[in-house]
Amino acid sequence: MHSVLQRIEGFSAAEEFFDFFGIAYRPEVVHVNRLHILKRFNQYLSRTPIPDDLDDASAWDLCKQYLAQAHDDFVRSSAAQEKVFKIFQEQDGKSVSLDSLKTSLLSRKRSS
């Protein structure tokens, strides 16, 4: 694992990532979409990994670019449209009614 990735591995808040890379961010976007942004950042890293032999400055710049892009994805769009998490992929934009959730929970309790 590249040393830049090792440095950010222990971060627990999205804001830590933005501060570390010096990225200006919209707090209202991060507040609502923090997990989505970090998951998208990870997807970008998975698609085009940082080579271990890349110099630190270039690796840092690449990570900064990926995180800024992940943030911007959610400035221009929504979590439901971006479908980062499986629940959004499965629902494909369908809404779930409160009654259907209640029915599902009741049937699960009965079968337990």
C-alpha atoms as a PDB file:
ATOM      1  CA  MET A   1       0.000   0.000   0.000  1.00  0.00           C
ATOM      2  CA  HIS A   2       1.289   3.434  -0.911  1.00  0.00           C
ATOM      3  CA  SER A   3       2.466   5.607   1.982  1.00  0.00           C
ATOM      4  CA  VAL A   4      -0.155   8.284   1.193  1.00  0.00           C
ATOM      5  CA  LEU A   5      -2.903   5.673   1.508  1.00  0.00           C
ATOM      6  CA  GLN A   6      -1.368   4.447   4.764  1.00  0.00           C
ATOM      7  CA  ARG A   7      -1.539   7.987   6.146  1.00  0.00           C
ATOM      8  CA  ILE A   8      -5.255   8.368   5.427  1.00  0.00           C
ATOM      9  CA  GLU A   9      -6.154   4.826   6.474  1.00  0.00           C
ATOM     10  CA  GLY A  10      -6.806   5.885  10.074  1.00  0.00           C
ATOM     11  CA  PHE A  11      -9.056   8.839   9.252  1.00  0.00           C
ATOM     12  CA  SER A  12     -12.575   8.447  10.573  1.00  0.00           C
ATOM     13  CA  ALA A  13     -14.372  11.615   9.463  1.00  0.00           C
ATOM     14  CA  ALA A  14     -14.884  12.790   5.902  1.00  0.00           C
ATOM     15  CA  GLU A  15     -13.719  16.242   6.921  1.00  0.00           C
ATOM     16  CA  GLU A  16     -10.318  14.794   7.867  1.00  0.00           C
ATOM     17  CA  PHE A  17      -9.848  13.644   4.275  1.00  0.00           C
ATOM     18  CA  PHE A  18     -10.802  17.041   2.851  1.00  0.00           C
ATOM     19  CA  ASP A  19      -8.559  18.885   5.313  1.00  0.00           C
ATOM     20  CA  PHE A  20      -5.602  16.574   4.667  1.00  0.00           C
ATOM     21  CA  PHE A  21      -5.802  17.102   0.901  1.00  0.00           C
ATOM     22  CA  GLY A  22      -6.638  20.801   1.216  1.00  0.00           C
ATOM     23  CA  ILE A  23      -9.910  20.475  -0.672  1.00  0.00           C
ATOM     24  CA  ALA A  24     -12.590  23.120  -0.274  1.00  0.00           C
ATOM     25  CA  TYR A  25     -15.899  21.358   0.266  1.00  0.00           C
ATOM     26  CA  ARG A  26     -19.517  22.231   0.796  1.00  0.00           C
ATOM     27  CA  PRO A  27     -20.357  21.275   4.404  1.00  0.00           C
ATOM     28  CA  GLU A  28     -24.054  20.779   3.593  1.00  0.00           C
ATOM     29  CA  VAL A  29     -23.128  18.254   0.884  1.00  0.00           C
ATOM     30  CA  VAL A  30     -20.647  16.401   3.094  1.00  0.00           C
ATOM     31  CA  HIS A  31     -23.033  16.368   6.040  1.00  0.00           C
ATOM     32  CA  VAL A  32     -25.713  14.544   4.034  1.00  0.00           C
ATOM     33  CA  ASN A  33     -23.493  12.419   1.779  1.00  0.00           C
ATOM     34  CA  ARG A  34     -20.320  11.697   3.759  1.00  0.00           C
ATOM     35  CA  LEU A  35     -20.492   7.903   3.445  1.00  0.00           C
ATOM     36  CA  HIS A  36     -21.445   8.113  -0.214  1.00  0.00           C
ATOM     37  CA  ILE A  37     -18.536  10.447  -0.954  1.00  0.00           C
ATOM     38  CA  LEU A  38     -16.015   8.238   0.833  1.00  0.00           C
ATOM     39  CA  LYS A  39     -17.365   5.124  -0.859  1.00  0.00           C
ATOM     40  CA  ARG A  40     -17.110   6.829  -4.272  1.00  0.00           C
ATOM     41  CA  PHE A  41     -13.547   7.939  -3.415  1.00  0.00           C
ATOM     42  CA  ASN A  42     -12.740   4.308  -2.651  1.00  0.00           C
ATOM     43  CA  GLN A  43     -14.343   3.232  -5.949  1.00  0.00           C
ATOM     44  CA  TYR A  44     -12.117   5.668  -7.837  1.00  0.00           C
ATOM     45  CA  LEU A  45      -9.080   4.300  -5.987  1.00  0.00           C
ATOM     46  CA  SER A  46     -10.143   0.738  -6.826  1.00  0.00           C
ATOM     47  CA  ARG A  47     -10.658   1.497 -10.515  1.00  0.00           C
ATOM     48  CA  THR A  48      -7.285   3.206 -10.882  1.00  0.00           C
ATOM     49  CA  PRO A  49      -5.104   2.186  -7.932  1.00  0.00           C
ATOM     50  CA  ILE A  50      -2.160   4.242  -6.741  1.00  0.00           C
ATOM     51  CA  PRO A  51       1.015   2.344  -7.718  1.00  0.00           C
ATOM     52  CA  ASP A  52       3.295   1.636  -4.747  1.00  0.00           C
ATOM     53  CA  ASP A  53       6.288   3.054  -6.613  1.00  0.00           C
ATOM     54  CA  LEU A  54       4.608   6.390  -7.440  1.00  0.00           C
ATOM     55  CA  ASP A  55       6.275   9.348  -5.715  1.00  0.00           C
ATOM     56  CA  ASP A  56       4.408  10.828  -2.747  1.00  0.00           C
ATOM     57  CA  ALA A  57       3.577  14.148  -4.421  1.00  0.00           C
ATOM     58  CA  SER A  58       2.008  12.452  -7.448  1.00  0.00           C
ATOM     59  CA  ALA A  59       0.099   9.969  -5.288  1.00  0.00           C
ATOM     60  CA  TRP A  60      -1.153  12.817  -3.095  1.00  0.00           C
ATOM     61  CA  ASP A  61      -2.284  14.767  -6.177  1.00  0.00           C
ATOM     62  CA  LEU A  62      -4.088  11.734  -7.594  1.00  0.00           C
ATOM     63  CA  CYS A  63      -5.896  11.052  -4.300  1.00  0.00           C
ATOM     64  CA  LYS A  64      -6.829  14.726  -4.077  1.00  0.00           C
ATOM     65  CA  GLN A  65      -8.270  14.569  -7.594  1.00  0.00           C
ATOM     66  CA  TYR A  66     -10.306  11.422  -6.771  1.00  0.00           C
ATOM     67  CA  LEU A  67     -11.715  12.890  -3.548  1.00  0.00           C
ATOM     68  CA  ALA A  68     -12.590  16.218  -5.197  1.00  0.00           C
ATOM     69  CA  GLN A  69     -14.358  14.340  -7.987  1.00  0.00           C
ATOM     70  CA  ALA A  70     -16.261  12.201  -5.460  1.00  0.00           C
ATOM     71  CA  HIS A  71     -17.410  15.359  -3.671  1.00  0.00           C
ATOM     72  CA  ASP A  72     -18.417  17.023  -6.935  1.00  0.00           C
ATOM     73  CA  ASP A  73     -20.444  13.954  -7.933  1.00  0.00           C
ATOM     74  CA  PHE A  74     -22.759  14.685  -5.011  1.00  0.00           C
ATOM     75  CA  VAL A  75     -22.812  18.444  -5.550  1.00  0.00           C
ATOM     76  CA  ARG A  76     -24.290  17.838  -9.005  1.00  0.00           C
ATOM     77  CA  SER A  77     -26.380  14.791  -8.131  1.00  0.00           C
ATOM     78  CA  SER A  78     -27.992  12.896  -5.265  1.00  0.00           C
ATOM     79  CA  ALA A  79     -27.251   9.659  -3.458  1.00  0.00           C
ATOM     80  CA  ALA A  80     -30.266   8.016  -5.084  1.00  0.00           C
ATOM     81  CA  GLN A  81     -29.087   9.049  -8.552  1.00  0.00           C
ATOM     82  CA  GLU A  82     -25.440   8.080  -7.998  1.00  0.00           C
ATOM     83  CA  LYS A  83     -26.397   4.657  -6.578  1.00  0.00           C
ATOM     84  CA  VAL A  84     -23.165   4.090  -4.692  1.00  0.00           C
ATOM     85  CA  PHE A  85     -24.716   1.732  -2.163  1.00  0.00           C
ATOM     86  CA  LYS A  86     -26.525  -1.490  -2.954  1.00  0.00           C
ATOM     87  CA  ILE A  87     -29.867  -0.347  -1.527  1.00  0.00           C
ATOM     88  CA  PHE A  88     -30.072   2.397  -4.152  1.00  0.00           C
ATOM     89  CA  GLN A  89     -29.017   0.007  -6.914  1.00  0.00           C
ATOM     90  CA  GLU A  90     -31.711  -2.521  -5.956  1.00  0.00           C
ATOM     91  CA  GLN A  91     -34.494   0.035  -5.649  1.00  0.00           C
ATOM     92  CA  ASP A  92     -33.630   1.648  -8.985  1.00  0.00           C
ATOM     93  CA  GLY A  93     -35.271   4.890  -7.932  1.00  0.00           C
ATOM     94  CA  LYS A  94     -38.437   3.262  -6.549  1.00  0.00           C
ATOM     95  CA  SER A  95     -39.750   4.628  -3.304  1.00  0.00           C
ATOM     96  CA  VAL A  96     -40.655   2.363  -0.441  1.00  0.00           C
ATOM     97  CA  SER A  97     -43.845   3.085   1.469  1.00  0.00           C
ATOM     98  CA  LEU A  98     -43.979   3.182   5.237  1.00  0.00           C
ATOM     99  CA  ASP A  99     -46.755   0.565   5.204  1.00  0.00           C
ATOM    100  CA  SER A 100     -44.607  -1.883   3.243  1.00  0.00           C
ATOM    101  CA  LEU A 101     -41.762  -1.396   5.739  1.00  0.00           C
ATOM    102  CA  LYS A 102     -44.105  -2.017   8.683  1.00  0.00           C
ATOM    103  CA  THR A 103     -45.485  -5.153   7.041  1.00  0.00           C
ATOM    104  CA  SER A 104     -41.995  -6.423   6.318  1.00  0.00           C
ATOM    105  CA  LEU A 105     -40.855  -5.824   9.901  1.00  0.00           C
ATOM    106  CA  LEU A 106     -43.928  -7.513  11.360  1.00  0.00           C
ATOM    107  CA  SER A 107     -43.482 -10.594   9.178  1.00  0.00           C
ATOM    108  CA  ARG A 108     -39.802 -10.806  10.162  1.00  0.00           C
ATOM    109  CA  LYS A 109     -40.684 -10.600  13.869  1.00  0.00           C
ATOM    110  CA  ARG A 110     -43.258 -13.369  13.487  1.00  0.00           C
ATOM    111  CA  SER A 111     -40.836 -15.672  11.707  1.00  0.00           C
ATOM    112  CA  SER A 112     -38.125 -15.158  14.356  1.00  0.00           C
END
